[in-house]
Every structure is written in C-alpha cells, then in structure tokens.
Amino acid sequence: MLALSRRKDEAIVINDDIEVTVIEIKGDQVKLGISAPKSVPVYRKEVYVQIQNSNKEAADSVDIKALNQLFGK
C-alpha cells in the first residue's frame, strides 16, 4: 500500500485519468472528491463488498446441470 500525505485542496492522480482530491477535513473525517471516467465504477468499500457478496451468492445459486440441459449440452 502506498501511503501519501495530502492537505485540503491537494490531490493525487491514478493512471492518468483518475484524480482524488481532499475536499474537506473535519476531525477524524476526510471528504474526498473523485474525478474518473464514467466507465470506471467508484464505490465506497462497504458497498463494493456487498455487491461482491451478492454476486457470489447469485453465482453459487445457479444450477449448472439445469443450464446445460436447457442449452443442450
């Protein structure tokens, strides 16, 4: 993990097209602004983890044998 120090209104750039800017600092909370292309999804980590878990549950619930029969395999 790369650890960087930034002050309010300072930014970092990731991969030429993503910019993360420190918007505000209040106590132990930091507000970040993220500029990224629309093709790049940006999630809070807890939301991302929920999406991944839901996708895994959905994939695990698929009956592969039934799908193969449906498609004649």
N, C-alpha and C. Protein backbone atom coordinates (compact mmCIF):
# COMPACT_ATOMS: atom_id res chain seq x y z
N MET A 1 0.85 -1.18 0.00
CA MET A 1 0.00 0.00 0.00
C MET A 1 0.88 1.23 0.00
N LEU A 2 0.54 2.17 -0.83
CA LEU A 2 1.22 3.45 -0.87
C LEU A 2 0.50 4.40 0.08
N ALA A 3 1.21 5.00 1.00
CA ALA A 3 0.62 5.97 1.93
C ALA A 3 1.13 7.36 1.58
N LEU A 4 0.21 8.28 1.34
CA LEU A 4 0.55 9.65 0.98
C LEU A 4 -0.08 10.63 1.96
N SER A 5 0.57 11.73 2.19
CA SER A 5 0.00 12.81 2.98
C SER A 5 -0.49 13.88 2.02
N ARG A 6 -1.69 14.37 2.24
CA ARG A 6 -2.28 15.42 1.44
C ARG A 6 -2.99 16.40 2.36
N ARG A 7 -3.00 17.65 1.97
CA ARG A 7 -3.74 18.67 2.70
C ARG A 7 -5.00 19.02 1.91
N LYS A 8 -5.85 19.82 2.52
CA LYS A 8 -7.06 20.27 1.85
C LYS A 8 -6.71 20.89 0.49
N ASP A 9 -7.51 20.55 -0.51
CA ASP A 9 -7.37 21.01 -1.89
C ASP A 9 -6.18 20.41 -2.63
N GLU A 10 -5.45 19.48 -2.03
CA GLU A 10 -4.39 18.77 -2.72
C GLU A 10 -4.97 17.47 -3.27
N ALA A 11 -4.31 16.92 -4.30
CA ALA A 11 -4.86 15.76 -4.98
C ALA A 11 -3.78 14.74 -5.29
N ILE A 12 -4.22 13.56 -5.68
CA ILE A 12 -3.35 12.54 -6.26
C ILE A 12 -3.98 12.13 -7.59
N VAL A 13 -3.15 11.64 -8.50
CA VAL A 13 -3.63 11.19 -9.81
C VAL A 13 -3.29 9.71 -9.93
N ILE A 14 -4.27 8.93 -10.41
CA ILE A 14 -4.10 7.50 -10.61
C ILE A 14 -4.31 7.19 -12.09
N ASN A 15 -3.30 6.58 -12.69
CA ASN A 15 -3.42 6.08 -14.06
C ASN A 15 -3.83 7.15 -15.08
N ASP A 16 -3.36 8.34 -14.96
CA ASP A 16 -3.58 9.44 -15.91
C ASP A 16 -5.01 9.96 -15.99
N ASP A 17 -6.00 9.22 -15.53
CA ASP A 17 -7.38 9.67 -15.74
C ASP A 17 -8.26 9.66 -14.49
N ILE A 18 -7.69 9.38 -13.34
CA ILE A 18 -8.45 9.41 -12.08
C ILE A 18 -7.75 10.37 -11.13
N GLU A 19 -8.52 11.31 -10.62
CA GLU A 19 -7.96 12.29 -9.67
C GLU A 19 -8.76 12.25 -8.38
N VAL A 20 -8.05 12.12 -7.26
CA VAL A 20 -8.67 12.12 -5.93
C VAL A 20 -8.19 13.37 -5.21
N THR A 21 -9.15 14.22 -4.81
CA THR A 21 -8.83 15.49 -4.17
C THR A 21 -9.40 15.52 -2.76
N VAL A 22 -8.61 16.03 -1.82
CA VAL A 22 -9.10 16.24 -0.45
C VAL A 22 -9.95 17.51 -0.47
N ILE A 23 -11.25 17.36 -0.21
CA ILE A 23 -12.19 18.48 -0.25
C ILE A 23 -12.30 19.16 1.11
N GLU A 24 -12.36 18.33 2.16
CA GLU A 24 -12.59 18.89 3.49
C GLU A 24 -12.06 17.93 4.54
N ILE A 25 -11.57 18.48 5.65
CA ILE A 25 -11.12 17.68 6.79
C ILE A 25 -11.81 18.22 8.03
N LYS A 26 -12.57 17.35 8.70
CA LYS A 26 -13.26 17.73 9.95
C LYS A 26 -12.98 16.65 10.98
N GLY A 27 -12.16 16.97 11.96
CA GLY A 27 -11.84 15.99 12.99
C GLY A 27 -11.22 14.74 12.38
N ASP A 28 -11.88 13.58 12.59
CA ASP A 28 -11.34 12.34 12.05
C ASP A 28 -11.99 11.94 10.72
N GLN A 29 -12.71 12.87 10.12
CA GLN A 29 -13.38 12.60 8.85
C GLN A 29 -12.76 13.41 7.72
N VAL A 30 -12.56 12.75 6.59
CA VAL A 30 -11.99 13.40 5.40
C VAL A 30 -12.98 13.24 4.26
N LYS A 31 -13.31 14.35 3.60
CA LYS A 31 -14.20 14.30 2.43
C LYS A 31 -13.32 14.36 1.19
N LEU A 32 -13.52 13.35 0.32
CA LEU A 32 -12.74 13.24 -0.91
C LEU A 32 -13.61 13.50 -2.12
N GLY A 33 -13.04 14.12 -3.13
CA GLY A 33 -13.69 14.26 -4.42
C GLY A 33 -12.96 13.38 -5.41
N ILE A 34 -13.70 12.62 -6.22
CA ILE A 34 -13.09 11.70 -7.16
C ILE A 34 -13.56 12.03 -8.57
N SER A 35 -12.61 12.32 -9.44
CA SER A 35 -12.91 12.56 -10.85
C SER A 35 -12.38 11.36 -11.62
N ALA A 36 -13.29 10.66 -12.30
CA ALA A 36 -12.90 9.48 -13.06
C ALA A 36 -13.82 9.36 -14.27
N PRO A 37 -13.36 8.68 -15.32
CA PRO A 37 -14.23 8.46 -16.47
C PRO A 37 -15.48 7.69 -16.07
N LYS A 38 -16.58 7.91 -16.78
CA LYS A 38 -17.83 7.24 -16.45
C LYS A 38 -17.71 5.73 -16.55
N SER A 39 -16.76 5.24 -17.32
CA SER A 39 -16.57 3.80 -17.48
C SER A 39 -15.89 3.17 -16.25
N VAL A 40 -15.42 3.99 -15.31
CA VAL A 40 -14.74 3.48 -14.11
C VAL A 40 -15.71 3.56 -12.93
N PRO A 41 -16.17 2.40 -12.43
CA PRO A 41 -17.06 2.44 -11.27
C PRO A 41 -16.29 2.87 -10.02
N VAL A 42 -16.92 3.70 -9.20
CA VAL A 42 -16.33 4.16 -7.94
C VAL A 42 -17.34 3.89 -6.84
N TYR A 43 -16.93 3.08 -5.85
CA TYR A 43 -17.81 2.70 -4.74
C TYR A 43 -17.10 2.92 -3.41
N ARG A 44 -17.88 3.18 -2.36
CA ARG A 44 -17.34 3.06 -1.01
C ARG A 44 -17.04 1.58 -0.80
N LYS A 45 -16.01 1.26 -0.05
CA LYS A 45 -15.60 -0.14 0.08
C LYS A 45 -16.71 -1.02 0.63
N GLU A 46 -17.46 -0.54 1.61
CA GLU A 46 -18.52 -1.39 2.20
C GLU A 46 -19.60 -1.70 1.17
N VAL A 47 -19.89 -0.78 0.27
CA VAL A 47 -20.86 -1.03 -0.80
C VAL A 47 -20.28 -2.02 -1.80
N TYR A 48 -19.01 -1.87 -2.16
CA TYR A 48 -18.35 -2.78 -3.08
C TYR A 48 -18.36 -4.21 -2.53
N VAL A 49 -18.08 -4.36 -1.25
CA VAL A 49 -18.08 -5.69 -0.63
C VAL A 49 -19.48 -6.30 -0.68
N GLN A 50 -20.52 -5.50 -0.42
CA GLN A 50 -21.90 -6.00 -0.51
C GLN A 50 -22.23 -6.47 -1.93
N ILE A 51 -21.81 -5.71 -2.93
CA ILE A 51 -22.04 -6.08 -4.33
C ILE A 51 -21.34 -7.40 -4.64
N GLN A 52 -20.08 -7.50 -4.23
CA GLN A 52 -19.33 -8.73 -4.48
C GLN A 52 -19.99 -9.93 -3.81
N ASN A 53 -20.44 -9.77 -2.57
CA ASN A 53 -21.10 -10.87 -1.85
C ASN A 53 -22.41 -11.26 -2.53
N SER A 54 -23.18 -10.28 -2.96
CA SER A 54 -24.43 -10.56 -3.66
C SER A 54 -24.18 -11.29 -4.98
N ASN A 55 -23.16 -10.86 -5.71
CA ASN A 55 -22.81 -11.53 -6.97
C ASN A 55 -22.38 -12.96 -6.73
N LYS A 56 -21.60 -13.19 -5.66
CA LYS A 56 -21.14 -14.54 -5.34
C LYS A 56 -22.32 -15.42 -4.97
N GLU A 57 -23.24 -14.91 -4.15
CA GLU A 57 -24.43 -15.67 -3.77
C GLU A 57 -25.26 -16.03 -5.00
N ALA A 58 -25.43 -15.07 -5.90
CA ALA A 58 -26.20 -15.32 -7.12
C ALA A 58 -25.53 -16.39 -7.98
N ALA A 59 -24.22 -16.30 -8.11
CA ALA A 59 -23.49 -17.28 -8.92
C ALA A 59 -23.54 -18.66 -8.28
N ASP A 60 -23.45 -18.71 -6.96
CA ASP A 60 -23.50 -20.00 -6.26
C ASP A 60 -24.87 -20.66 -6.34
N SER A 61 -25.91 -19.87 -6.57
CA SER A 61 -27.27 -20.41 -6.60
C SER A 61 -27.66 -20.95 -7.98
N VAL A 62 -26.80 -20.78 -8.98
CA VAL A 62 -27.10 -21.25 -10.34
C VAL A 62 -26.91 -22.76 -10.42
N ASP A 63 -27.91 -23.43 -10.99
CA ASP A 63 -27.85 -24.88 -11.19
C ASP A 63 -27.22 -25.14 -12.55
N ILE A 64 -25.94 -25.47 -12.54
CA ILE A 64 -25.19 -25.66 -13.78
C ILE A 64 -25.76 -26.81 -14.61
N LYS A 65 -26.16 -27.90 -13.97
CA LYS A 65 -26.71 -29.04 -14.70
C LYS A 65 -27.99 -28.64 -15.45
N ALA A 66 -28.84 -27.87 -14.77
CA ALA A 66 -30.09 -27.42 -15.40
C ALA A 66 -29.79 -26.49 -16.58
N LEU A 67 -28.81 -25.62 -16.43
CA LEU A 67 -28.44 -24.72 -17.54
C LEU A 67 -27.90 -25.52 -18.71
N ASN A 68 -27.05 -26.50 -18.43
CA ASN A 68 -26.51 -27.32 -19.52
C ASN A 68 -27.62 -28.06 -20.25
N GLN A 69 -28.61 -28.58 -19.51
CA GLN A 69 -29.74 -29.26 -20.15
C GLN A 69 -30.54 -28.28 -20.98
N LEU A 70 -30.74 -27.09 -20.49
CA LEU A 70 -31.50 -26.06 -21.20
C LEU A 70 -30.85 -25.72 -22.54
N PHE A 71 -29.52 -25.67 -22.54
CA PHE A 71 -28.81 -25.31 -23.76
C PHE A 71 -28.30 -26.53 -24.55
N GLY A 72 -28.78 -27.71 -24.15
CA GLY A 72 -28.49 -28.92 -24.92
C GLY A 72 -27.04 -29.39 -24.83
N LYS A 73 -26.42 -29.19 -23.70
CA LYS A 73 -25.03 -29.64 -23.54
C LYS A 73 -24.98 -30.90 -22.72
